[in-house]
Amino acid sequence: MARLAPPGPRPRTGRTAWWGVQLVLNLAWTPLFFGARQFGLALLDIVLLLAAVTITLVRFHRLSRVAALLFLPYLLWVAFATALNAAVWQLNT
């Protein structure tokens, strides 16, 4: 019987999946906020983005502390942008 995969630990795709999720959410935010001026939907998107970035950072930390530390400024920036988005949404409702 032939082996389909080499012996050893399985590759972990969770980090890659969360990286992709946060990229898609990031890509969706700009057209929602600036293009469509849908501040509520953009806020929902960026809150989900903030969660995805946090999960990605935690997953990266399990692989490399340096990778997680390099991801930290992005997390802080998204948190700041979330606060700004919330303020704009509140002022425009």
PDB file of N, CA and C in Angstrom:
ATOM      1  N   MET A   1       0.842  -1.171   0.000  1.00  0.00           N
ATOM      2  CA  MET A   1       0.000   0.000   0.000  1.00  0.00           C
ATOM      3  C   MET A   1       0.893   1.240   0.000  1.00  0.00           C
ATOM      4  N   ALA A   2       0.634   2.161  -0.890  1.00  0.00           N
ATOM      5  CA  ALA A   2       1.449   3.373  -1.009  1.00  0.00           C
ATOM      6  C   ALA A   2       0.947   4.437  -0.037  1.00  0.00           C
ATOM      7  N   ARG A   3       1.921   5.170   0.510  1.00  0.00           N
ATOM      8  CA  ARG A   3       1.563   6.279   1.405  1.00  0.00           C
ATOM      9  C   ARG A   3       1.271   7.530   0.578  1.00  0.00           C
ATOM     10  N   LEU A   4       0.249   8.249   0.978  1.00  0.00           N
ATOM     11  CA  LEU A   4      -0.093   9.485   0.286  1.00  0.00           C
ATOM     12  C   LEU A   4       0.648  10.680   0.866  1.00  0.00           C
ATOM     13  N   ALA A   5       0.999  10.609   2.128  1.00  0.00           N
ATOM     14  CA  ALA A   5       1.693  11.715   2.785  1.00  0.00           C
ATOM     15  C   ALA A   5       2.908  11.163   3.513  1.00  0.00           C
ATOM     16  N   PRO A   6       3.977  11.937   3.585  1.00  0.00           N
ATOM     17  CA  PRO A   6       5.151  11.456   4.300  1.00  0.00           C
ATOM     18  C   PRO A   6       4.853  11.319   5.791  1.00  0.00           C
ATOM     19  N   PRO A   7       5.558  10.408   6.463  1.00  0.00           N
ATOM     20  CA  PRO A   7       5.321  10.248   7.898  1.00  0.00           C
ATOM     21  C   PRO A   7       5.770  11.498   8.654  1.00  0.00           C
ATOM     22  N   GLY A   8       5.197  11.675   9.815  1.00  0.00           N
ATOM     23  CA  GLY A   8       5.560  12.825  10.629  1.00  0.00           C
ATOM     24  C   GLY A   8       4.349  13.673  10.938  1.00  0.00           C
ATOM     25  N   PRO A   9       4.582  14.806  11.583  1.00  0.00           N
ATOM     26  CA  PRO A   9       3.445  15.647  11.954  1.00  0.00           C
ATOM     27  C   PRO A   9       2.773  16.254  10.729  1.00  0.00           C
ATOM     28  N   ARG A  10       1.492  16.451  10.844  1.00  0.00           N
ATOM     29  CA  ARG A  10       0.725  17.066   9.755  1.00  0.00           C
ATOM     30  C   ARG A  10       1.007  18.560   9.701  1.00  0.00           C
ATOM     31  N   PRO A  11       0.984  19.129   8.516  1.00  0.00           N
ATOM     32  CA  PRO A  11       1.179  20.584   8.435  1.00  0.00           C
ATOM     33  C   PRO A  11      -0.009  21.313   9.052  1.00  0.00           C
ATOM     34  N   ARG A  12       0.286  22.404   9.711  1.00  0.00           N
ATOM     35  CA  ARG A  12      -0.779  23.188  10.355  1.00  0.00           C
ATOM     36  C   ARG A  12      -1.224  24.291   9.403  1.00  0.00           C
ATOM     37  N   THR A  13      -2.465  24.197   8.963  1.00  0.00           N
ATOM     38  CA  THR A  13      -2.976  25.172   8.015  1.00  0.00           C
ATOM     39  C   THR A  13      -3.802  26.255   8.692  1.00  0.00           C
ATOM     40  N   GLY A  14      -4.021  26.148  10.002  1.00  0.00           N
ATOM     41  CA  GLY A  14      -4.836  27.129  10.705  1.00  0.00           C
ATOM     42  C   GLY A  14      -4.275  28.538  10.609  1.00  0.00           C
ATOM     43  N   ARG A  15      -2.950  28.667  10.712  1.00  0.00           N
ATOM     44  CA  ARG A  15      -2.341  29.998  10.603  1.00  0.00           C
ATOM     45  C   ARG A  15      -2.589  30.587   9.231  1.00  0.00           C
ATOM     46  N   THR A  16      -2.417  29.779   8.209  1.00  0.00           N
ATOM     47  CA  THR A  16      -2.624  30.252   6.846  1.00  0.00           C
ATOM     48  C   THR A  16      -4.086  30.633   6.612  1.00  0.00           C
ATOM     49  N   ALA A  17      -4.987  29.837   7.147  1.00  0.00           N
ATOM     50  CA  ALA A  17      -6.413  30.132   6.978  1.00  0.00           C
ATOM     51  C   ALA A  17      -6.776  31.453   7.651  1.00  0.00           C
ATOM     52  N   TRP A  18      -6.307  31.657   8.884  1.00  0.00           N
ATOM     53  CA  TRP A  18      -6.623  32.906   9.581  1.00  0.00           C
ATOM     54  C   TRP A  18      -5.951  34.092   8.905  1.00  0.00           C
ATOM     55  N   TRP A  19      -4.762  33.895   8.363  1.00  0.00           N
ATOM     56  CA  TRP A  19      -4.096  34.954   7.608  1.00  0.00           C
ATOM     57  C   TRP A  19      -4.985  35.359   6.421  1.00  0.00           C
ATOM     58  N   GLY A  20      -5.517  34.369   5.711  1.00  0.00           N
ATOM     59  CA  GLY A  20      -6.394  34.637   4.580  1.00  0.00           C
ATOM     60  C   GLY A  20      -7.687  35.318   4.991  1.00  0.00           C
ATOM     61  N   VAL A  21      -8.271  34.896   6.097  1.00  0.00           N
ATOM     62  CA  VAL A  21      -9.512  35.505   6.590  1.00  0.00           C
ATOM     63  C   VAL A  21      -9.293  36.992   6.872  1.00  0.00           C
ATOM     64  N   GLN A  22      -8.208  37.319   7.580  1.00  0.00           N
ATOM     65  CA  GLN A  22      -7.975  38.723   7.907  1.00  0.00           C
ATOM     66  C   GLN A  22      -7.663  39.537   6.652  1.00  0.00           C
ATOM     67  N   LEU A  23      -7.019  38.935   5.666  1.00  0.00           N
ATOM     68  CA  LEU A  23      -6.759  39.659   4.418  1.00  0.00           C
ATOM     69  C   LEU A  23      -8.055  39.988   3.682  1.00  0.00           C
ATOM     70  N   VAL A  24      -8.970  39.020   3.629  1.00  0.00           N
ATOM     71  CA  VAL A  24     -10.258  39.241   2.949  1.00  0.00           C
ATOM     72  C   VAL A  24     -11.068  40.312   3.678  1.00  0.00           C
ATOM     73  N   LEU A  25     -11.112  40.237   5.007  1.00  0.00           N
ATOM     74  CA  LEU A  25     -11.840  41.241   5.780  1.00  0.00           C
ATOM     75  C   LEU A  25     -11.222  42.624   5.605  1.00  0.00           C
ATOM     76  N   ASN A  26      -9.901  42.686   5.565  1.00  0.00           N
ATOM     77  CA  ASN A  26      -9.221  43.961   5.355  1.00  0.00           C
ATOM     78  C   ASN A  26      -9.558  44.515   3.970  1.00  0.00           C
ATOM     79  N   LEU A  27      -9.549  43.657   2.982  1.00  0.00           N
ATOM     80  CA  LEU A  27      -9.865  44.068   1.619  1.00  0.00           C
ATOM     81  C   LEU A  27     -11.303  44.579   1.508  1.00  0.00           C
ATOM     82  N   ALA A  28     -12.223  43.984   2.249  1.00  0.00           N
ATOM     83  CA  ALA A  28     -13.632  44.378   2.173  1.00  0.00           C
ATOM     84  C   ALA A  28     -13.913  45.705   2.875  1.00  0.00           C
ATOM     85  N   TRP A  29     -13.113  46.068   3.862  1.00  0.00           N
ATOM     86  CA  TRP A  29     -13.428  47.249   4.670  1.00  0.00           C
ATOM     87  C   TRP A  29     -13.372  48.552   3.863  1.00  0.00           C
ATOM     88  N   THR A  30     -12.353  48.755   3.062  1.00  0.00           N
ATOM     89  CA  THR A  30     -12.185  50.023   2.341  1.00  0.00           C
ATOM     90  C   THR A  30     -13.366  50.347   1.429  1.00  0.00           C
ATOM     91  N   PRO A  31     -13.813  49.416   0.567  1.00  0.00           N
ATOM     92  CA  PRO A  31     -14.978  49.755  -0.261  1.00  0.00           C
ATOM     93  C   PRO A  31     -16.258  49.973   0.544  1.00  0.00           C
ATOM     94  N   LEU A  32     -16.403  49.241   1.658  1.00  0.00           N
ATOM     95  CA  LEU A  32     -17.591  49.442   2.493  1.00  0.00           C
ATOM     96  C   LEU A  32     -17.591  50.834   3.120  1.00  0.00           C
ATOM     97  N   PHE A  33     -16.460  51.233   3.673  1.00  0.00           N
ATOM     98  CA  PHE A  33     -16.382  52.492   4.401  1.00  0.00           C
ATOM     99  C   PHE A  33     -16.315  53.691   3.459  1.00  0.00           C
ATOM    100  N   PHE A  34     -15.358  53.682   2.547  1.00  0.00           N
ATOM    101  CA  PHE A  34     -15.143  54.845   1.687  1.00  0.00           C
ATOM    102  C   PHE A  34     -16.006  54.834   0.435  1.00  0.00           C
ATOM    103  N   GLY A  35     -16.166  53.678  -0.184  1.00  0.00           N
ATOM    104  CA  GLY A  35     -16.912  53.611  -1.434  1.00  0.00           C
ATOM    105  C   GLY A  35     -18.418  53.674  -1.221  1.00  0.00           C
ATOM    106  N   ALA A  36     -18.934  52.737  -0.456  1.00  0.00           N
ATOM    107  CA  ALA A  36     -20.383  52.639  -0.259  1.00  0.00           C
ATOM    108  C   ALA A  36     -20.877  53.499   0.899  1.00  0.00           C
ATOM    109  N   ARG A  37     -19.968  53.994   1.716  1.00  0.00           N
ATOM    110  CA  ARG A  37     -20.302  54.795   2.899  1.00  0.00           C
ATOM    111  C   ARG A  37     -21.300  54.050   3.800  1.00  0.00           C
ATOM    112  N   GLN A  38     -21.100  52.747   3.890  1.00  0.00           N
ATOM    113  CA  GLN A  38     -21.904  51.889   4.761  1.00  0.00           C
ATOM    114  C   GLN A  38     -21.150  51.725   6.078  1.00  0.00           C
ATOM    115  N   PHE A  39     -21.232  52.744   6.930  1.00  0.00           N
ATOM    116  CA  PHE A  39     -20.411  52.796   8.133  1.00  0.00           C
ATOM    117  C   PHE A  39     -20.747  51.679   9.125  1.00  0.00           C
ATOM    118  N   GLY A  40     -22.002  51.289   9.197  1.00  0.00           N
ATOM    119  CA  GLY A  40     -22.393  50.197  10.086  1.00  0.00           C
ATOM    120  C   GLY A  40     -21.840  48.860   9.621  1.00  0.00           C
ATOM    121  N   LEU A  41     -21.968  48.570   8.321  1.00  0.00           N
ATOM    122  CA  LEU A  41     -21.405  47.328   7.788  1.00  0.00           C
ATOM    123  C   LEU A  41     -19.886  47.329   7.874  1.00  0.00           C
ATOM    124  N   ALA A  42     -19.299  48.500   7.633  1.00  0.00           N
ATOM    125  CA  ALA A  42     -17.841  48.607   7.757  1.00  0.00           C
ATOM    126  C   ALA A  42     -17.410  48.360   9.201  1.00  0.00           C
ATOM    127  N   LEU A  43     -18.194  48.834  10.155  1.00  0.00           N
ATOM    128  CA  LEU A  43     -17.875  48.599  11.563  1.00  0.00           C
ATOM    129  C   LEU A  43     -17.954  47.110  11.888  1.00  0.00           C
ATOM    130  N   LEU A  44     -18.988  46.447  11.406  1.00  0.00           N
ATOM    131  CA  LEU A  44     -19.092  44.998  11.602  1.00  0.00           C
ATOM    132  C   LEU A  44     -17.883  44.294  10.999  1.00  0.00           C
ATOM    133  N   ASP A  45     -17.520  44.691   9.789  1.00  0.00           N
ATOM    134  CA  ASP A  45     -16.375  44.093   9.116  1.00  0.00           C
ATOM    135  C   ASP A  45     -15.090  44.304   9.912  1.00  0.00           C
ATOM    136  N   ILE A  46     -14.862  45.521  10.399  1.00  0.00           N
ATOM    137  CA  ILE A  46     -13.600  45.793  11.085  1.00  0.00           C
ATOM    138  C   ILE A  46     -13.552  45.145  12.470  1.00  0.00           C
ATOM    139  N   VAL A  47     -14.698  44.962  13.106  1.00  0.00           N
ATOM    140  CA  VAL A  47     -14.716  44.228  14.371  1.00  0.00           C
ATOM    141  C   VAL A  47     -14.337  42.764  14.117  1.00  0.00           C
ATOM    142  N   LEU A  48     -14.876  42.190  13.054  1.00  0.00           N
ATOM    143  CA  LEU A  48     -14.489  40.829  12.679  1.00  0.00           C
ATOM    144  C   LEU A  48     -13.007  40.778  12.294  1.00  0.00           C
ATOM    145  N   LEU A  49     -12.536  41.824  11.607  1.00  0.00           N
ATOM    146  CA  LEU A  49     -11.120  41.912  11.258  1.00  0.00           C
ATOM    147  C   LEU A  49     -10.252  41.960  12.505  1.00  0.00           C
ATOM    148  N   LEU A  50     -10.652  42.746  13.478  1.00  0.00           N
ATOM    149  CA  LEU A  50      -9.902  42.841  14.731  1.00  0.00           C
ATOM    150  C   LEU A  50      -9.810  41.471  15.413  1.00  0.00           C
ATOM    151  N   ALA A  51     -10.908  40.740  15.412  1.00  0.00           N
ATOM    152  CA  ALA A  51     -10.897  39.390  15.997  1.00  0.00           C
ATOM    153  C   ALA A  51      -9.990  38.462  15.192  1.00  0.00           C
ATOM    154  N   ALA A  52     -10.074  38.530  13.875  1.00  0.00           N
ATOM    155  CA  ALA A  52      -9.242  37.663  13.032  1.00  0.00           C
ATOM    156  C   ALA A  52      -7.756  37.983  13.189  1.00  0.00           C
ATOM    157  N   VAL A  53      -7.425  39.265  13.296  1.00  0.00           N
ATOM    158  CA  VAL A  53      -6.029  39.658  13.487  1.00  0.00           C
ATOM    159  C   VAL A  53      -5.528  39.152  14.836  1.00  0.00           C
ATOM    160  N   THR A  54      -6.364  39.252  15.859  1.00  0.00           N
ATOM    161  CA  THR A  54      -5.981  38.759  17.185  1.00  0.00           C
ATOM    162  C   THR A  54      -5.728  37.254  17.150  1.00  0.00           C
ATOM    163  N   ILE A  55      -6.623  36.515  16.527  1.00  0.00           N
ATOM    164  CA  ILE A  55      -6.453  35.065  16.417  1.00  0.00           C
ATOM    165  C   ILE A  55      -5.195  34.737  15.616  1.00  0.00           C
ATOM    166  N   THR A  56      -4.964  35.462  14.526  1.00  0.00           N
ATOM    167  CA  THR A  56      -3.767  35.241  13.718  1.00  0.00           C
ATOM    168  C   THR A  56      -2.509  35.495  14.532  1.00  0.00           C
ATOM    169  N   LEU A  57      -2.499  36.571  15.304  1.00  0.00           N
ATOM    170  CA  LEU A  57      -1.340  36.886  16.140  1.00  0.00           C
ATOM    171  C   LEU A  57      -1.080  35.762  17.145  1.00  0.00           C
ATOM    172  N   VAL A  58      -2.126  35.272  17.777  1.00  0.00           N
ATOM    173  CA  VAL A  58      -1.972  34.185  18.754  1.00  0.00           C
ATOM    174  C   VAL A  58      -1.434  32.929  18.066  1.00  0.00           C
ATOM    175  N   ARG A  59      -1.960  32.627  16.902  1.00  0.00           N
ATOM    176  CA  ARG A  59      -1.485  31.448  16.165  1.00  0.00           C
ATOM    177  C   ARG A  59      -0.033  31.619  15.732  1.00  0.00           C
ATOM    178  N   PHE A  60       0.330  32.827  15.296  1.00  0.00           N
ATOM    179  CA  PHE A  60       1.720  33.081  14.914  1.00  0.00           C
ATOM    180  C   PHE A  60       2.640  32.965  16.123  1.00  0.00           C
ATOM    181  N   HIS A  61       2.153  33.387  17.295  1.00  0.00           N
ATOM    182  CA  HIS A  61       2.976  33.326  18.495  1.00  0.00           C
ATOM    183  C   HIS A  61       3.364  31.893  18.823  1.00  0.00           C
ATOM    184  N   ARG A  62       2.476  30.970  18.541  1.00  0.00           N
ATOM    185  CA  ARG A  62       2.777  29.553  18.784  1.00  0.00           C
ATOM    186  C   ARG A  62       3.912  29.074  17.889  1.00  0.00           C
ATOM    187  N   LEU A  63       4.072  29.710  16.737  1.00  0.00           N
ATOM    188  CA  LEU A  63       5.138  29.352  15.811  1.00  0.00           C
ATOM    189  C   LEU A  63       6.419  30.125  16.113  1.00  0.00           C
ATOM    190  N   SER A  64       6.271  31.441  16.320  1.00  0.00           N
ATOM    191  CA  SER A  64       7.439  32.293  16.511  1.00  0.00           C
ATOM    192  C   SER A  64       7.037  33.553  17.272  1.00  0.00           C
ATOM    193  N   ARG A  65       7.752  33.828  18.342  1.00  0.00           N
ATOM    194  CA  ARG A  65       7.480  35.047  19.120  1.00  0.00           C
ATOM    195  C   ARG A  65       7.761  36.289  18.282  1.00  0.00           C
ATOM    196  N   VAL A  66       8.803  36.243  17.474  1.00  0.00           N
ATOM    197  CA  VAL A  66       9.157  37.381  16.615  1.00  0.00           C
ATOM    198  C   VAL A  66       8.038  37.656  15.614  1.00  0.00           C
ATOM    199  N   ALA A  67       7.483  36.614  15.025  1.00  0.00           N
ATOM    200  CA  ALA A  67       6.385  36.792  14.071  1.00  0.00           C
ATOM    201  C   ALA A  67       5.193  37.476  14.742  1.00  0.00           C
ATOM    202  N   ALA A  68       4.888  37.074  15.951  1.00  0.00           N
ATOM    203  CA  ALA A  68       3.776  37.690  16.675  1.00  0.00           C
ATOM    204  C   ALA A  68       4.079  39.145  17.004  1.00  0.00           C
ATOM    205  N   LEU A  69       5.292  39.439  17.425  1.00  0.00           N
ATOM    206  CA  LEU A  69       5.652  40.824  17.746  1.00  0.00           C
ATOM    207  C   LEU A  69       5.617  41.710  16.512  1.00  0.00           C
ATOM    208  N   LEU A  70       5.989  41.180  15.374  1.00  0.00           N
ATOM    209  CA  LEU A  70       5.924  41.960  14.131  1.00  0.00           C
ATOM    210  C   LEU A  70       4.477  42.211  13.699  1.00  0.00           C
ATOM    211  N   PHE A  71       3.566  41.358  14.134  1.00  0.00           N
ATOM    212  CA  PHE A  71       2.146  41.511  13.808  1.00  0.00           C
ATOM    213  C   PHE A  71       1.439  42.474  14.758  1.00  0.00           C
ATOM    214  N   LEU A  72       2.059  42.773  15.894  1.00  0.00           N
ATOM    215  CA  LEU A  72       1.434  43.615  16.910  1.00  0.00           C
ATOM    216  C   LEU A  72       1.095  45.027  16.431  1.00  0.00           C
ATOM    217  N   PRO A  73       1.971  45.743  15.700  1.00  0.00           N
ATOM    218  CA  PRO A  73       1.579  47.075  15.224  1.00  0.00           C
ATOM    219  C   PRO A  73       0.326  47.066  14.338  1.00  0.00           C
ATOM    220  N   TYR A  74       0.173  46.029  13.541  1.00  0.00           N
ATOM    221  CA  TYR A  74      -1.025  45.894  12.711  1.00  0.00           C
ATOM    222  C   TYR A  74      -2.263  45.751  13.589  1.00  0.00           C
ATOM    223  N   LEU A  75      -2.167  44.936  14.633  1.00  0.00           N
ATOM    224  CA  LEU A  75      -3.278  44.777  15.569  1.00  0.00           C
ATOM    225  C   LEU A  75      -3.645  46.110  16.210  1.00  0.00           C
ATOM    226  N   LEU A  76      -2.650  46.861  16.640  1.00  0.00           N
ATOM    227  CA  LEU A  76      -2.906  48.168  17.265  1.00  0.00           C
ATOM    228  C   LEU A  76      -3.534  49.142  16.271  1.00  0.00           C
ATOM    229  N   TRP A  77      -3.067  49.124  15.040  1.00  0.00           N
ATOM    230  CA  TRP A  77      -3.622  50.009  14.013  1.00  0.00           C
ATOM    231  C   TRP A  77      -5.086  49.660  13.730  1.00  0.00           C
ATOM    232  N   VAL A  78      -5.398  48.390  13.630  1.00  0.00           N
ATOM    233  CA  VAL A  78      -6.785  47.971  13.372  1.00  0.00           C
ATOM    234  C   VAL A  78      -7.674  48.336  14.558  1.00  0.00           C
ATOM    235  N   ALA A  79      -7.156  48.234  15.775  1.00  0.00           N
ATOM    236  CA  ALA A  79      -7.932  48.633  16.955  1.00  0.00           C
ATOM    237  C   ALA A  79      -8.236  50.132  16.905  1.00  0.00           C
ATOM    238  N   PHE A  80      -7.251  50.938  16.531  1.00  0.00           N
ATOM    239  CA  PHE A  80      -7.454  52.382  16.403  1.00  0.00           C
ATOM    240  C   PHE A  80      -8.469  52.687  15.292  1.00  0.00           C
ATOM    241  N   ALA A  81      -8.328  52.014  14.146  1.00  0.00           N
ATOM    242  CA  ALA A  81      -9.263  52.216  13.041  1.00  0.00           C
ATOM    243  C   ALA A  81     -10.677  51.782  13.427  1.00  0.00           C
ATOM    244  N   THR A  82     -10.797  50.769  14.274  1.00  0.00           N
ATOM    245  CA  THR A  82     -12.107  50.326  14.752  1.00  0.00           C
ATOM    246  C   THR A  82     -12.769  51.429  15.574  1.00  0.00           C
ATOM    247  N   ALA A  83     -11.986  52.059  16.449  1.00  0.00           N
ATOM    248  CA  ALA A  83     -12.522  53.166  17.256  1.00  0.00           C
ATOM    249  C   ALA A  83     -12.952  54.324  16.371  1.00  0.00           C
ATOM    250  N   LEU A  84     -12.152  54.652  15.370  1.00  0.00           N
ATOM    251  CA  LEU A  84     -12.523  55.730  14.445  1.00  0.00           C
ATOM    252  C   LEU A  84     -13.784  55.378  13.667  1.00  0.00           C
ATOM    253  N   ASN A  85     -13.862  54.147  13.172  1.00  0.00           N
ATOM    254  CA  ASN A  85     -15.047  53.706  12.433  1.00  0.00           C
ATOM    255  C   ASN A  85     -16.286  53.791  13.309  1.00  0.00           C
ATOM    256  N   ALA A  86     -16.180  53.386  14.568  1.00  0.00           N
ATOM    257  CA  ALA A  86     -17.314  53.444  15.483  1.00  0.00           C
ATOM    258  C   ALA A  86     -17.754  54.889  15.697  1.00  0.00           C
ATOM    259  N   ALA A  87     -16.786  55.805  15.838  1.00  0.00           N
ATOM    260  CA  ALA A  87     -17.127  57.210  16.023  1.00  0.00           C
ATOM    261  C   ALA A  87     -17.813  57.799  14.808  1.00  0.00           C
ATOM    262  N   VAL A  88     -17.319  57.473  13.617  1.00  0.00           N
ATOM    263  CA  VAL A  88     -17.947  57.965  12.390  1.00  0.00           C
ATOM    264  C   VAL A  88     -19.345  57.407  12.251  1.00  0.00           C
ATOM    265  N   TRP A  89     -19.521  56.142  12.540  1.00  0.00           N
ATOM    266  CA  TRP A  89     -20.844  55.526  12.456  1.00  0.00           C
ATOM    267  C   TRP A  89     -21.804  56.189  13.434  1.00  0.00           C
ATOM    268  N   GLN A  90     -21.346  56.432  14.649  1.00  0.00           N
ATOM    269  CA  GLN A  90     -22.208  57.060  15.663  1.00  0.00           C
ATOM    270  C   GLN A  90     -22.586  58.484  15.259  1.00  0.00           C
ATOM    271  N   LEU A  91     -21.643  59.217  14.721  1.00  0.00           N
ATOM    272  CA  LEU A  91     -21.918  60.605  14.319  1.00  0.00           C
ATOM    273  C   LEU A  91     -22.830  60.692  13.105  1.00  0.00           C
ATOM    274  N   ASN A  92     -22.931  59.629  12.328  1.00  0.00           N
ATOM    275  CA  ASN A  92     -23.731  59.655  11.105  1.00  0.00           C
ATOM    276  C   ASN A  92     -25.026  58.869  11.206  1.00  0.00           C
ATOM    277  N   THR A  93     -25.442  58.534  12.441  1.00  0.00           N
ATOM    278  CA  THR A  93     -26.724  57.830  12.572  1.00  0.00           C
ATOM    279  C   THR A  93     -27.751  58.752  13.182  1.00  0.00           C
TER     280      THR A  93
END
